[in-house]
Amino acid sequence: MSKKQTVPRVGFVSLGCPKATVDSEHILTRLRAEGYLISGN
């Protein structure tokens, strides 16, 4: 019997200064490259 594959999802909230926002974008880019879907909520 095969298990249904689910795509991992992650939600992300960035608070703070512009540097934190840049770091957040780097993290999100990496997560997308690893196959994660980014959830808006």
Protein backbone atom coordinates (compact mmCIF):
# COMPACT_ATOMS: atom_id res chain seq x y z
CA MET A 1 0.00 0.00 0.00
CA SER A 2 1.47 3.40 -0.90
CA LYS A 3 1.17 6.42 1.35
CA LYS A 4 -0.10 9.64 -0.14
CA GLN A 5 2.76 12.11 -0.43
CA THR A 6 2.07 15.51 1.06
CA VAL A 7 4.00 18.63 0.22
CA PRO A 8 5.41 20.28 3.33
CA ARG A 9 4.10 23.78 4.01
CA VAL A 10 5.44 26.53 6.20
CA GLY A 11 4.08 29.89 7.31
CA PHE A 12 6.51 32.69 7.97
CA VAL A 13 6.15 36.00 9.79
CA SER A 14 8.94 38.54 9.61
CA LEU A 15 9.02 41.30 12.20
CA GLY A 16 11.56 44.00 12.59
CA CYS A 17 14.10 45.90 10.62
CA PRO A 18 14.82 45.73 6.87
CA LYS A 19 17.81 43.43 7.55
CA ALA A 20 15.43 40.92 9.17
CA THR A 21 13.19 41.13 6.10
CA VAL A 22 16.15 40.39 3.81
CA ASP A 23 17.14 37.43 5.97
CA SER A 24 13.55 36.18 5.88
CA GLU A 25 13.52 36.31 2.08
CA HIS A 26 16.73 34.26 1.96
CA ILE A 27 15.16 31.64 4.23
CA LEU A 28 11.97 31.52 2.15
CA THR A 29 13.98 31.14 -1.05
CA ARG A 30 15.85 28.20 0.43
CA LEU A 31 12.65 26.58 1.70
CA ARG A 32 11.04 26.87 -1.76
CA ALA A 33 14.14 25.31 -3.32
CA GLU A 34 13.82 22.41 -0.87
CA GLY A 35 10.24 21.80 -2.00
CA TYR A 36 8.21 23.62 0.65
CA LEU A 37 5.07 25.55 -0.16
CA ILE A 38 4.82 28.91 1.56
CA SER A 39 1.46 29.40 3.27
CA GLY A 40 -0.02 32.86 3.46
CA ASN A 41 -1.63 32.20 6.81
